[in-house]
Amino acid sequence: MRIPAQQLEELVTQRIMNYLWSESELIRDIPSQAELARGLASAEALRGQWEANRAHALRQLLHRVIVTPDSLSLELYLEPIWGIPAKKTLEVSAKLERSGLAKKLVIAGPNSPTGQIDPKLIRLVARSHTLAMRFISGKAKTIQEIATSEEVTASYVTRLIQIGFMAPELMQRISEGKQPITLTAHKLLSTGALPLNWDDQYRELGFGP
């Protein structure tokens, strides 16, 4: 069966985007504690390149995509981040299913058997995490400063920052399309402040009992 090229490209780019924007994932691949500051700075530079020229950033990071009947494996070069010739494999459970006359890449998920990757939701979570890191790192002194630079209201920035403190594993699941089918970007934005306790976040967002 032929893979839908546009959907495959979207899945690959969104999964890499989520990895690059997730400091918790990046830190898990750190070669040594001495490389932490350098690696995070390199990742931030790559995020800037991603916004300016996504194709160029992808060429630096992506080695190859391996497609099997039930999954995708994305092999990444880590040298642009950590400065060492290492690789990282990101696994995404996915399979082709027929929908009418068309074929779709369906992302397997424990709570949503027909759940698919949601680019809008992923962009929302990634942006929220980035703004939260700007705020707590002190790069932005106030909510209003971020709101002005992003050309949105302060209340909207506050909501994004609250989302930015989502549990890393939940961000991971969303990046792989494993979110509950009811969880959309609109629903996430309209949900009240997320609980600080990660277990409570699972229940609040429908990931668990």
N, C-alpha and C. Protein backbone atom coordinates (compact mmCIF):
# COMPACT_ATOMS: atom_id res chain seq x y z
N MET A 1 0.83 -1.20 0.00
CA MET A 1 0.00 0.00 0.00
C MET A 1 0.87 1.25 0.00
N ARG A 2 0.47 2.20 -0.78
CA ARG A 2 1.24 3.43 -0.88
C ARG A 2 0.95 4.35 0.31
N ILE A 3 2.02 4.91 0.89
CA ILE A 3 1.86 5.79 2.05
C ILE A 3 1.48 7.20 1.60
N PRO A 4 0.47 7.83 2.20
CA PRO A 4 0.11 9.21 1.86
C PRO A 4 1.27 10.15 2.21
N ALA A 5 1.92 10.71 1.17
CA ALA A 5 3.15 11.47 1.37
C ALA A 5 2.95 12.68 2.27
N GLN A 6 1.87 13.43 2.07
CA GLN A 6 1.65 14.63 2.86
C GLN A 6 1.45 14.29 4.33
N GLN A 7 0.70 13.24 4.60
CA GLN A 7 0.45 12.86 5.98
C GLN A 7 1.72 12.33 6.64
N LEU A 8 2.51 11.57 5.87
CA LEU A 8 3.78 11.07 6.40
C LEU A 8 4.71 12.22 6.73
N GLU A 9 4.82 13.19 5.83
CA GLU A 9 5.69 14.35 6.06
C GLU A 9 5.24 15.12 7.30
N GLU A 10 3.94 15.28 7.44
CA GLU A 10 3.41 16.01 8.59
C GLU A 10 3.71 15.29 9.89
N LEU A 11 3.53 13.96 9.88
CA LEU A 11 3.79 13.16 11.06
C LEU A 11 5.26 13.25 11.47
N VAL A 12 6.15 13.12 10.48
CA VAL A 12 7.59 13.17 10.75
C VAL A 12 8.00 14.53 11.31
N THR A 13 7.58 15.59 10.65
CA THR A 13 8.00 16.93 11.09
C THR A 13 7.43 17.27 12.46
N GLN A 14 6.18 16.89 12.73
CA GLN A 14 5.59 17.21 14.02
C GLN A 14 6.24 16.43 15.15
N ARG A 15 6.61 15.16 14.87
CA ARG A 15 7.27 14.36 15.92
C ARG A 15 8.65 14.92 16.24
N ILE A 16 9.40 15.32 15.22
CA ILE A 16 10.71 15.90 15.45
C ILE A 16 10.57 17.25 16.14
N MET A 17 9.58 18.01 15.75
CA MET A 17 9.33 19.30 16.38
C MET A 17 9.08 19.14 17.87
N ASN A 18 8.26 18.15 18.21
CA ASN A 18 7.96 17.92 19.62
C ASN A 18 9.21 17.52 20.39
N TYR A 19 10.05 16.69 19.78
CA TYR A 19 11.31 16.28 20.43
C TYR A 19 12.20 17.50 20.67
N LEU A 20 12.32 18.33 19.64
CA LEU A 20 13.23 19.48 19.72
C LEU A 20 12.75 20.51 20.73
N TRP A 21 11.44 20.60 20.92
CA TRP A 21 10.87 21.58 21.86
C TRP A 21 10.76 21.03 23.29
N SER A 22 11.04 19.76 23.47
CA SER A 22 10.87 19.15 24.80
C SER A 22 12.23 19.01 25.49
N GLU A 23 12.49 19.89 26.46
CA GLU A 23 13.76 19.81 27.18
C GLU A 23 13.87 18.51 27.96
N SER A 24 12.75 17.98 28.43
CA SER A 24 12.81 16.73 29.19
C SER A 24 13.29 15.58 28.30
N GLU A 25 12.84 15.54 27.06
CA GLU A 25 13.31 14.50 26.13
C GLU A 25 14.77 14.71 25.77
N LEU A 26 15.13 15.94 25.51
CA LEU A 26 16.52 16.24 25.15
C LEU A 26 17.48 15.84 26.25
N ILE A 27 17.10 16.15 27.48
CA ILE A 27 17.99 15.88 28.62
C ILE A 27 18.20 14.38 28.80
N ARG A 28 17.20 13.58 28.43
CA ARG A 28 17.37 12.12 28.55
C ARG A 28 18.48 11.61 27.63
N ASP A 29 18.81 12.36 26.58
CA ASP A 29 19.84 11.92 25.63
C ASP A 29 21.19 12.60 25.87
N ILE A 30 21.32 13.34 26.96
CA ILE A 30 22.55 14.07 27.22
C ILE A 30 23.73 13.09 27.37
N PRO A 31 24.84 13.31 26.64
CA PRO A 31 25.98 12.40 26.74
C PRO A 31 26.73 12.54 28.06
N SER A 32 26.74 13.75 28.62
CA SER A 32 27.37 13.98 29.92
C SER A 32 26.82 15.28 30.48
N GLN A 33 26.85 15.40 31.81
CA GLN A 33 26.31 16.59 32.45
C GLN A 33 27.02 17.86 31.99
N ALA A 34 28.29 17.71 31.62
CA ALA A 34 29.07 18.88 31.18
C ALA A 34 28.54 19.46 29.87
N GLU A 35 27.79 18.66 29.11
CA GLU A 35 27.28 19.11 27.82
C GLU A 35 25.89 19.74 27.91
N LEU A 36 25.32 19.79 29.13
CA LEU A 36 23.93 20.21 29.27
C LEU A 36 23.69 21.61 28.71
N ALA A 37 24.44 22.59 29.19
CA ALA A 37 24.21 23.97 28.78
C ALA A 37 24.43 24.13 27.28
N ARG A 38 25.48 23.53 26.77
CA ARG A 38 25.78 23.63 25.34
C ARG A 38 24.67 23.00 24.50
N GLY A 39 24.22 21.81 24.93
CA GLY A 39 23.19 21.11 24.18
C GLY A 39 21.88 21.87 24.14
N LEU A 40 21.45 22.40 25.28
CA LEU A 40 20.20 23.14 25.32
C LEU A 40 20.28 24.42 24.50
N ALA A 41 21.47 25.06 24.50
CA ALA A 41 21.66 26.25 23.68
C ALA A 41 21.60 25.90 22.19
N SER A 42 22.20 24.75 21.83
CA SER A 42 22.16 24.31 20.43
C SER A 42 20.73 23.98 20.01
N ALA A 43 19.97 23.35 20.93
CA ALA A 43 18.58 23.03 20.62
C ALA A 43 17.76 24.30 20.42
N GLU A 44 18.03 25.30 21.23
CA GLU A 44 17.31 26.57 21.07
C GLU A 44 17.63 27.21 19.72
N ALA A 45 18.91 27.12 19.31
CA ALA A 45 19.29 27.66 18.00
C ALA A 45 18.59 26.91 16.87
N LEU A 46 18.49 25.60 17.03
CA LEU A 46 17.80 24.80 16.01
C LEU A 46 16.32 25.13 15.95
N ARG A 47 15.73 25.43 17.11
CA ARG A 47 14.32 25.83 17.11
C ARG A 47 14.14 27.14 16.35
N GLY A 48 15.11 28.04 16.49
CA GLY A 48 15.05 29.28 15.73
C GLY A 48 15.16 29.01 14.23
N GLN A 49 16.06 28.10 13.85
CA GLN A 49 16.20 27.73 12.45
C GLN A 49 14.92 27.07 11.94
N TRP A 50 14.30 26.28 12.80
CA TRP A 50 13.07 25.58 12.41
C TRP A 50 11.99 26.58 12.02
N GLU A 51 11.88 27.63 12.80
CA GLU A 51 10.87 28.64 12.50
C GLU A 51 11.20 29.38 11.20
N ALA A 52 12.49 29.59 10.95
CA ALA A 52 12.90 30.37 9.77
C ALA A 52 12.98 29.51 8.51
N ASN A 53 13.48 28.29 8.65
CA ASN A 53 13.70 27.42 7.49
C ASN A 53 13.60 25.97 7.94
N ARG A 54 12.38 25.45 7.95
CA ARG A 54 12.14 24.11 8.47
C ARG A 54 12.90 23.05 7.67
N ALA A 55 12.95 23.20 6.35
CA ALA A 55 13.62 22.20 5.52
C ALA A 55 15.10 22.09 5.87
N HIS A 56 15.74 23.23 6.11
CA HIS A 56 17.17 23.22 6.46
C HIS A 56 17.39 22.54 7.81
N ALA A 57 16.55 22.85 8.78
CA ALA A 57 16.67 22.22 10.10
C ALA A 57 16.45 20.72 10.01
N LEU A 58 15.48 20.29 9.20
CA LEU A 58 15.22 18.87 9.04
C LEU A 58 16.41 18.15 8.42
N ARG A 59 17.05 18.78 7.45
CA ARG A 59 18.21 18.15 6.81
C ARG A 59 19.34 17.93 7.79
N GLN A 60 19.48 18.82 8.76
CA GLN A 60 20.52 18.67 9.77
C GLN A 60 20.23 17.52 10.73
N LEU A 61 18.95 17.31 11.03
CA LEU A 61 18.58 16.36 12.08
C LEU A 61 18.18 14.98 11.58
N LEU A 62 17.46 14.92 10.48
CA LEU A 62 16.85 13.65 10.06
C LEU A 62 17.80 12.84 9.19
N HIS A 63 18.11 11.62 9.65
CA HIS A 63 18.94 10.71 8.87
C HIS A 63 18.10 9.89 7.91
N ARG A 64 17.07 9.21 8.42
CA ARG A 64 16.18 8.44 7.56
C ARG A 64 14.91 8.09 8.31
N VAL A 65 13.90 7.69 7.54
CA VAL A 65 12.62 7.23 8.08
C VAL A 65 12.44 5.78 7.65
N ILE A 66 12.22 4.91 8.61
CA ILE A 66 11.99 3.49 8.33
C ILE A 66 10.52 3.20 8.56
N VAL A 67 9.86 2.70 7.53
CA VAL A 67 8.42 2.43 7.58
C VAL A 67 8.20 0.92 7.64
N THR A 68 7.45 0.48 8.63
CA THR A 68 7.04 -0.91 8.75
C THR A 68 5.51 -0.94 8.74
N PRO A 69 4.89 -2.12 8.64
CA PRO A 69 3.42 -2.15 8.60
C PRO A 69 2.75 -1.53 9.81
N ASP A 70 3.45 -1.49 10.96
CA ASP A 70 2.80 -1.02 12.19
C ASP A 70 3.50 0.15 12.87
N SER A 71 4.56 0.68 12.27
CA SER A 71 5.26 1.76 12.96
C SER A 71 6.14 2.55 12.01
N LEU A 72 6.58 3.70 12.50
CA LEU A 72 7.57 4.52 11.82
C LEU A 72 8.75 4.69 12.77
N SER A 73 9.95 4.59 12.24
CA SER A 73 11.15 4.85 13.03
C SER A 73 11.87 6.03 12.40
N LEU A 74 12.07 7.09 13.18
CA LEU A 74 12.76 8.28 12.70
C LEU A 74 14.16 8.30 13.29
N GLU A 75 15.17 8.15 12.46
CA GLU A 75 16.55 8.16 12.94
C GLU A 75 17.09 9.59 12.81
N LEU A 76 17.53 10.13 13.94
CA LEU A 76 18.01 11.51 13.99
C LEU A 76 19.51 11.55 14.24
N TYR A 77 20.15 12.57 13.69
CA TYR A 77 21.52 12.90 14.05
C TYR A 77 21.48 13.78 15.30
N LEU A 78 22.25 13.44 16.32
CA LEU A 78 22.30 14.26 17.53
C LEU A 78 23.49 15.21 17.55
N GLU A 79 24.38 15.09 16.57
CA GLU A 79 25.58 15.95 16.57
C GLU A 79 25.23 17.43 16.53
N PRO A 80 24.21 17.87 15.78
CA PRO A 80 23.87 19.30 15.80
C PRO A 80 23.45 19.81 17.18
N ILE A 81 23.03 18.89 18.06
CA ILE A 81 22.60 19.29 19.41
C ILE A 81 23.72 19.12 20.42
N TRP A 82 24.29 17.92 20.48
CA TRP A 82 25.26 17.60 21.54
C TRP A 82 26.71 17.65 21.08
N GLY A 83 26.95 17.81 19.78
CA GLY A 83 28.32 17.94 19.31
C GLY A 83 29.08 16.63 19.24
N ILE A 84 28.37 15.50 19.29
CA ILE A 84 29.01 14.19 19.18
C ILE A 84 28.30 13.39 18.08
N PRO A 85 29.02 12.51 17.39
CA PRO A 85 28.42 11.74 16.29
C PRO A 85 27.54 10.60 16.78
N ALA A 86 26.41 10.95 17.35
CA ALA A 86 25.47 9.94 17.88
C ALA A 86 24.14 10.07 17.15
N LYS A 87 23.32 9.02 17.29
CA LYS A 87 22.00 9.02 16.67
C LYS A 87 20.94 8.70 17.70
N LYS A 88 19.72 9.06 17.36
CA LYS A 88 18.56 8.84 18.23
C LYS A 88 17.43 8.32 17.36
N THR A 89 16.71 7.31 17.83
CA THR A 89 15.56 6.79 17.10
C THR A 89 14.27 7.12 17.83
N LEU A 90 13.37 7.77 17.13
CA LEU A 90 12.05 8.07 17.66
C LEU A 90 11.06 7.10 17.04
N GLU A 91 10.35 6.36 17.86
CA GLU A 91 9.38 5.38 17.37
C GLU A 91 7.97 5.96 17.44
N VAL A 92 7.22 5.74 16.39
CA VAL A 92 5.81 6.14 16.36
C VAL A 92 4.99 4.96 15.88
N SER A 93 4.05 4.50 16.70
CA SER A 93 3.18 3.40 16.29
C SER A 93 2.14 3.93 15.31
N ALA A 94 2.14 3.37 14.11
CA ALA A 94 1.21 3.85 13.09
C ALA A 94 0.98 2.76 12.06
N LYS A 95 -0.17 2.76 11.45
CA LYS A 95 -0.44 1.79 10.39
C LYS A 95 -1.38 2.42 9.36
N LEU A 96 -1.34 1.88 8.17
CA LEU A 96 -2.21 2.35 7.11
C LEU A 96 -3.57 1.67 7.20
N GLU A 97 -4.62 2.47 7.15
CA GLU A 97 -5.96 1.90 7.11
C GLU A 97 -6.76 2.59 6.02
N ARG A 98 -7.64 1.83 5.40
CA ARG A 98 -8.48 2.40 4.35
C ARG A 98 -9.66 3.13 4.97
N SER A 99 -9.93 4.33 4.44
CA SER A 99 -11.09 5.11 4.88
C SER A 99 -11.85 5.51 3.62
N GLY A 100 -12.87 4.75 3.26
CA GLY A 100 -13.54 4.97 1.99
C GLY A 100 -12.61 4.59 0.86
N LEU A 101 -12.39 5.52 -0.07
CA LEU A 101 -11.48 5.27 -1.18
C LEU A 101 -10.06 5.70 -0.86
N ALA A 102 -9.89 6.39 0.25
CA ALA A 102 -8.57 6.91 0.61
C ALA A 102 -7.91 6.01 1.63
N LYS A 103 -6.61 6.25 1.84
CA LYS A 103 -5.86 5.55 2.88
C LYS A 103 -5.32 6.58 3.85
N LYS A 104 -5.34 6.24 5.13
CA LYS A 104 -4.86 7.15 6.16
C LYS A 104 -3.83 6.45 7.02
N LEU A 105 -2.85 7.24 7.50
CA LEU A 105 -1.94 6.74 8.53
C LEU A 105 -2.63 6.93 9.87
N VAL A 106 -2.94 5.85 10.53
CA VAL A 106 -3.64 5.91 11.81
C VAL A 106 -2.64 5.66 12.92
N ILE A 107 -2.63 6.55 13.92
CA ILE A 107 -1.69 6.47 15.02
C ILE A 107 -2.33 5.68 16.14
N ALA A 108 -1.68 4.62 16.55
CA ALA A 108 -2.23 3.76 17.60
C ALA A 108 -2.12 4.45 18.94
N GLY A 109 -3.15 4.32 19.78
CA GLY A 109 -3.12 4.91 21.11
C GLY A 109 -3.93 4.08 22.07
N PRO A 110 -3.48 3.97 23.33
CA PRO A 110 -4.16 3.11 24.28
C PRO A 110 -5.56 3.54 24.61
N ASN A 111 -5.83 4.85 24.56
CA ASN A 111 -7.15 5.34 24.94
C ASN A 111 -7.96 5.79 23.74
N SER A 112 -7.38 5.67 22.56
CA SER A 112 -8.06 6.12 21.36
C SER A 112 -7.63 5.26 20.18
N PRO A 113 -8.28 4.13 19.98
CA PRO A 113 -7.85 3.21 18.95
C PRO A 113 -7.79 3.83 17.57
N THR A 114 -8.62 4.83 17.31
CA THR A 114 -8.60 5.47 16.00
C THR A 114 -7.99 6.86 16.09
N GLY A 115 -7.26 7.16 17.16
CA GLY A 115 -6.67 8.48 17.32
C GLY A 115 -5.62 8.77 16.26
N GLN A 116 -5.57 10.01 15.79
CA GLN A 116 -4.59 10.41 14.78
C GLN A 116 -3.80 11.59 15.31
N ILE A 117 -2.61 11.77 14.76
CA ILE A 117 -1.80 12.91 15.16
C ILE A 117 -2.55 14.20 14.85
N ASP A 118 -2.50 15.12 15.78
CA ASP A 118 -3.25 16.37 15.67
C ASP A 118 -2.25 17.53 15.63
N PRO A 119 -1.88 17.98 14.43
CA PRO A 119 -0.86 19.03 14.32
C PRO A 119 -1.20 20.30 15.10
N LYS A 120 -2.48 20.67 15.11
CA LYS A 120 -2.88 21.89 15.82
C LYS A 120 -2.66 21.73 17.32
N LEU A 121 -2.99 20.56 17.84
CA LEU A 121 -2.79 20.29 19.27
C LEU A 121 -1.30 20.25 19.60
N ILE A 122 -0.51 19.64 18.75
CA ILE A 122 0.94 19.55 18.98
C ILE A 122 1.57 20.95 18.96
N ARG A 123 1.15 21.78 18.00
CA ARG A 123 1.70 23.14 17.95
C ARG A 123 1.34 23.92 19.20
N LEU A 124 0.11 23.73 19.69
CA LEU A 124 -0.32 24.42 20.91
C LEU A 124 0.53 24.00 22.10
N VAL A 125 0.75 22.70 22.27
CA VAL A 125 1.53 22.20 23.40
C VAL A 125 2.99 22.67 23.28
N ALA A 126 3.56 22.59 22.08
CA ALA A 126 4.95 23.01 21.88
C ALA A 126 5.12 24.50 22.16
N ARG A 127 4.20 25.31 21.66
CA ARG A 127 4.28 26.76 21.90
C ARG A 127 4.12 27.06 23.39
N SER A 128 3.20 26.37 24.04
CA SER A 128 2.98 26.59 25.47
C SER A 128 4.22 26.25 26.28
N HIS A 129 4.87 25.14 25.93
CA HIS A 129 6.09 24.75 26.64
C HIS A 129 7.19 25.78 26.43
N THR A 130 7.33 26.27 25.21
CA THR A 130 8.37 27.27 24.92
C THR A 130 8.14 28.54 25.73
N LEU A 131 6.90 29.01 25.78
CA LEU A 131 6.61 30.24 26.53
C LEU A 131 6.79 30.03 28.03
N ALA A 132 6.42 28.84 28.52
CA ALA A 132 6.61 28.56 29.94
C ALA A 132 8.10 28.58 30.29
N MET A 133 8.94 28.02 29.42
CA MET A 133 10.38 28.01 29.67
C MET A 133 10.96 29.44 29.61
N ARG A 134 10.44 30.26 28.70
CA ARG A 134 10.89 31.66 28.64
C ARG A 134 10.58 32.38 29.93
N PHE A 135 9.42 32.09 30.49
CA PHE A 135 8.99 32.80 31.70
C PHE A 135 9.77 32.33 32.93
N ILE A 136 9.87 31.03 33.14
CA ILE A 136 10.52 30.55 34.36
C ILE A 136 12.04 30.70 34.30
N SER A 137 12.60 30.81 33.08
CA SER A 137 14.05 31.00 32.96
C SER A 137 14.46 32.45 33.21
N GLY A 138 13.47 33.36 33.19
CA GLY A 138 13.77 34.77 33.38
C GLY A 138 14.07 35.51 32.09
N LYS A 139 14.02 34.79 30.94
CA LYS A 139 14.27 35.48 29.67
C LYS A 139 13.18 36.52 29.41
N ALA A 140 11.99 36.24 29.90
CA ALA A 140 10.91 37.22 29.88
C ALA A 140 10.57 37.54 31.33
N LYS A 141 10.54 38.80 31.67
CA LYS A 141 10.35 39.20 33.07
C LYS A 141 8.89 39.16 33.50
N THR A 142 7.98 39.41 32.57
CA THR A 142 6.57 39.47 32.93
C THR A 142 5.72 38.79 31.86
N ILE A 143 4.51 38.44 32.24
CA ILE A 143 3.54 37.89 31.29
C ILE A 143 3.26 38.91 30.19
N GLN A 144 3.15 40.17 30.58
CA GLN A 144 2.84 41.20 29.60
C GLN A 144 3.95 41.34 28.57
N GLU A 145 5.19 41.15 28.98
CA GLU A 145 6.31 41.22 28.03
C GLU A 145 6.16 40.15 26.94
N ILE A 146 5.78 38.94 27.37
CA ILE A 146 5.57 37.87 26.40
C ILE A 146 4.37 38.19 25.51
N ALA A 147 3.30 38.67 26.12
CA ALA A 147 2.09 38.99 25.36
C ALA A 147 2.38 40.02 24.27
N THR A 148 3.18 41.02 24.62
CA THR A 148 3.52 42.06 23.65
C THR A 148 4.33 41.48 22.50
N SER A 149 5.32 40.66 22.82
CA SER A 149 6.17 40.09 21.76
C SER A 149 5.40 39.11 20.88
N GLU A 150 4.42 38.41 21.47
CA GLU A 150 3.63 37.43 20.71
C GLU A 150 2.39 38.05 20.07
N GLU A 151 2.11 39.31 20.41
CA GLU A 151 0.95 40.03 19.87
C GLU A 151 -0.36 39.34 20.23
N VAL A 152 -0.45 38.93 21.50
CA VAL A 152 -1.68 38.33 22.03
C VAL A 152 -1.96 38.98 23.38
N THR A 153 -3.06 38.60 24.01
CA THR A 153 -3.39 39.18 25.30
C THR A 153 -2.63 38.48 26.43
N ALA A 154 -2.50 39.18 27.54
CA ALA A 154 -1.82 38.60 28.70
C ALA A 154 -2.58 37.39 29.24
N SER A 155 -3.90 37.42 29.18
CA SER A 155 -4.69 36.29 29.68
C SER A 155 -4.46 35.05 28.83
N TYR A 156 -4.26 35.24 27.52
CA TYR A 156 -3.99 34.11 26.63
C TYR A 156 -2.62 33.52 26.93
N VAL A 157 -1.64 34.38 27.17
CA VAL A 157 -0.30 33.90 27.53
C VAL A 157 -0.34 33.12 28.84
N THR A 158 -1.10 33.62 29.80
CA THR A 158 -1.24 32.91 31.07
C THR A 158 -1.78 31.52 30.86
N ARG A 159 -2.76 31.41 29.98
CA ARG A 159 -3.34 30.08 29.70
C ARG A 159 -2.30 29.17 29.04
N LEU A 160 -1.53 29.71 28.11
CA LEU A 160 -0.51 28.90 27.43
C LEU A 160 0.56 28.43 28.42
N ILE A 161 0.97 29.31 29.31
CA ILE A 161 2.00 28.94 30.28
C ILE A 161 1.49 27.83 31.20
N GLN A 162 0.22 27.89 31.56
CA GLN A 162 -0.35 26.82 32.37
C GLN A 162 -0.30 25.49 31.63
N ILE A 163 -0.60 25.51 30.34
CA ILE A 163 -0.52 24.29 29.53
C ILE A 163 0.92 23.82 29.43
N GLY A 164 1.86 24.78 29.42
CA GLY A 164 3.28 24.45 29.28
C GLY A 164 3.84 23.63 30.42
N PHE A 165 3.12 23.55 31.54
CA PHE A 165 3.57 22.74 32.66
C PHE A 165 2.93 21.34 32.65
N MET A 166 2.49 20.93 31.48
CA MET A 166 1.94 19.59 31.32
C MET A 166 3.02 18.54 31.57
N ALA A 167 2.62 17.41 32.11
CA ALA A 167 3.57 16.32 32.37
C ALA A 167 4.28 15.92 31.08
N PRO A 168 5.60 15.71 31.12
CA PRO A 168 6.36 15.36 29.90
C PRO A 168 5.81 14.13 29.19
N GLU A 169 5.34 13.13 29.93
CA GLU A 169 4.83 11.93 29.26
C GLU A 169 3.54 12.23 28.49
N LEU A 170 2.74 13.16 29.00
CA LEU A 170 1.53 13.53 28.27
C LEU A 170 1.90 14.27 26.98
N MET A 171 2.93 15.13 27.03
CA MET A 171 3.40 15.78 25.81
C MET A 171 3.87 14.74 24.79
N GLN A 172 4.58 13.74 25.29
CA GLN A 172 5.07 12.67 24.44
C GLN A 172 3.91 11.94 23.76
N ARG A 173 2.90 11.61 24.53
CA ARG A 173 1.75 10.89 23.96
C ARG A 173 1.04 11.72 22.91
N ILE A 174 0.88 13.01 23.19
CA ILE A 174 0.23 13.89 22.22
C ILE A 174 1.03 13.96 20.94
N SER A 175 2.36 14.01 21.05
CA SER A 175 3.21 14.10 19.86
C SER A 175 3.10 12.85 18.99
N GLU A 176 2.72 11.72 19.60
CA GLU A 176 2.59 10.47 18.87
C GLU A 176 1.14 10.16 18.49
N GLY A 177 0.25 11.10 18.74
CA GLY A 177 -1.15 10.88 18.41
C GLY A 177 -1.87 9.95 19.35
N LYS A 178 -1.35 9.80 20.57
CA LYS A 178 -1.93 8.85 21.52
C LYS A 178 -2.83 9.53 22.54
N GLN A 179 -3.28 10.73 22.22
CA GLN A 179 -4.20 11.43 23.11
C GLN A 179 -5.60 10.86 22.97
N PRO A 180 -6.45 11.02 23.99
CA PRO A 180 -7.86 10.62 23.84
C PRO A 180 -8.48 11.36 22.66
N ILE A 181 -9.38 10.70 21.98
CA ILE A 181 -9.95 11.28 20.77
C ILE A 181 -10.71 12.57 21.07
N THR A 182 -11.12 12.75 22.32
CA THR A 182 -11.87 13.96 22.71
C THR A 182 -10.96 15.14 23.01
N LEU A 183 -9.65 14.91 23.10
CA LEU A 183 -8.73 16.00 23.46
C LEU A 183 -8.27 16.72 22.20
N THR A 184 -8.75 17.93 22.05
CA THR A 184 -8.39 18.78 20.91
C THR A 184 -7.72 20.06 21.42
N ALA A 185 -7.17 20.84 20.52
CA ALA A 185 -6.56 22.10 20.92
C ALA A 185 -7.60 23.02 21.56
N HIS A 186 -8.79 23.04 20.98
CA HIS A 186 -9.86 23.89 21.54
C HIS A 186 -10.21 23.46 22.96
N LYS A 187 -10.34 22.15 23.15
CA LYS A 187 -10.71 21.66 24.49
C LYS A 187 -9.60 21.96 25.49
N LEU A 188 -8.34 21.78 25.08
CA LEU A 188 -7.23 22.04 25.99
C LEU A 188 -7.19 23.51 26.40
N LEU A 189 -7.43 24.39 25.44
CA LEU A 189 -7.43 25.83 25.75
C LEU A 189 -8.60 26.22 26.65
N SER A 190 -9.71 25.53 26.49
CA SER A 190 -10.90 25.90 27.27
C SER A 190 -10.95 25.22 28.63
N THR A 191 -10.04 24.25 28.85
CA THR A 191 -9.96 23.60 30.16
C THR A 191 -9.38 24.60 31.17
N GLY A 192 -9.80 24.51 32.39
CA GLY A 192 -9.23 25.39 33.41
C GLY A 192 -7.75 25.09 33.63
N ALA A 193 -7.16 25.77 34.59
CA ALA A 193 -5.73 25.56 34.89
C ALA A 193 -5.48 24.08 35.19
N LEU A 194 -4.45 23.51 34.59
CA LEU A 194 -4.13 22.11 34.83
C LEU A 194 -3.67 21.90 36.27
N PRO A 195 -4.02 20.78 36.87
CA PRO A 195 -3.51 20.49 38.21
C PRO A 195 -1.99 20.41 38.20
N LEU A 196 -1.36 20.79 39.30
CA LEU A 196 0.10 20.70 39.38
C LEU A 196 0.55 19.25 39.48
N ASN A 197 -0.28 18.41 40.08
CA ASN A 197 0.06 16.99 40.21
C ASN A 197 -0.12 16.30 38.87
N TRP A 198 0.92 15.61 38.38
CA TRP A 198 0.86 14.99 37.07
C TRP A 198 -0.19 13.89 36.99
N ASP A 199 -0.36 13.12 38.05
CA ASP A 199 -1.38 12.08 38.04
C ASP A 199 -2.77 12.69 37.85
N ASP A 200 -3.00 13.83 38.49
CA ASP A 200 -4.29 14.51 38.33
C ASP A 200 -4.47 15.02 36.90
N GLN A 201 -3.35 15.43 36.27
CA GLN A 201 -3.43 15.88 34.88
C GLN A 201 -3.91 14.75 33.96
N TYR A 202 -3.40 13.52 34.21
CA TYR A 202 -3.84 12.38 33.41
C TYR A 202 -5.35 12.25 33.45
N ARG A 203 -5.92 12.33 34.64
CA ARG A 203 -7.35 12.17 34.79
C ARG A 203 -8.11 13.37 34.19
N GLU A 204 -7.60 14.55 34.44
CA GLU A 204 -8.26 15.77 33.95
C GLU A 204 -8.39 15.78 32.43
N LEU A 205 -7.34 15.28 31.75
CA LEU A 205 -7.32 15.32 30.28
C LEU A 205 -7.81 14.03 29.63
N GLY A 206 -8.24 13.08 30.45
CA GLY A 206 -8.84 11.88 29.90
C GLY A 206 -7.89 10.77 29.53
N PHE A 207 -6.66 10.82 30.05
CA PHE A 207 -5.68 9.78 29.74
C PHE A 207 -5.81 8.55 30.65
N GLY A 208 -6.53 8.69 31.73
CA GLY A 208 -6.63 7.58 32.66
C GLY A 208 -7.87 7.70 33.50
N PRO A 209 -8.11 6.69 34.34
CA PRO A 209 -9.31 6.70 35.18
C PRO A 209 -9.25 7.78 36.24
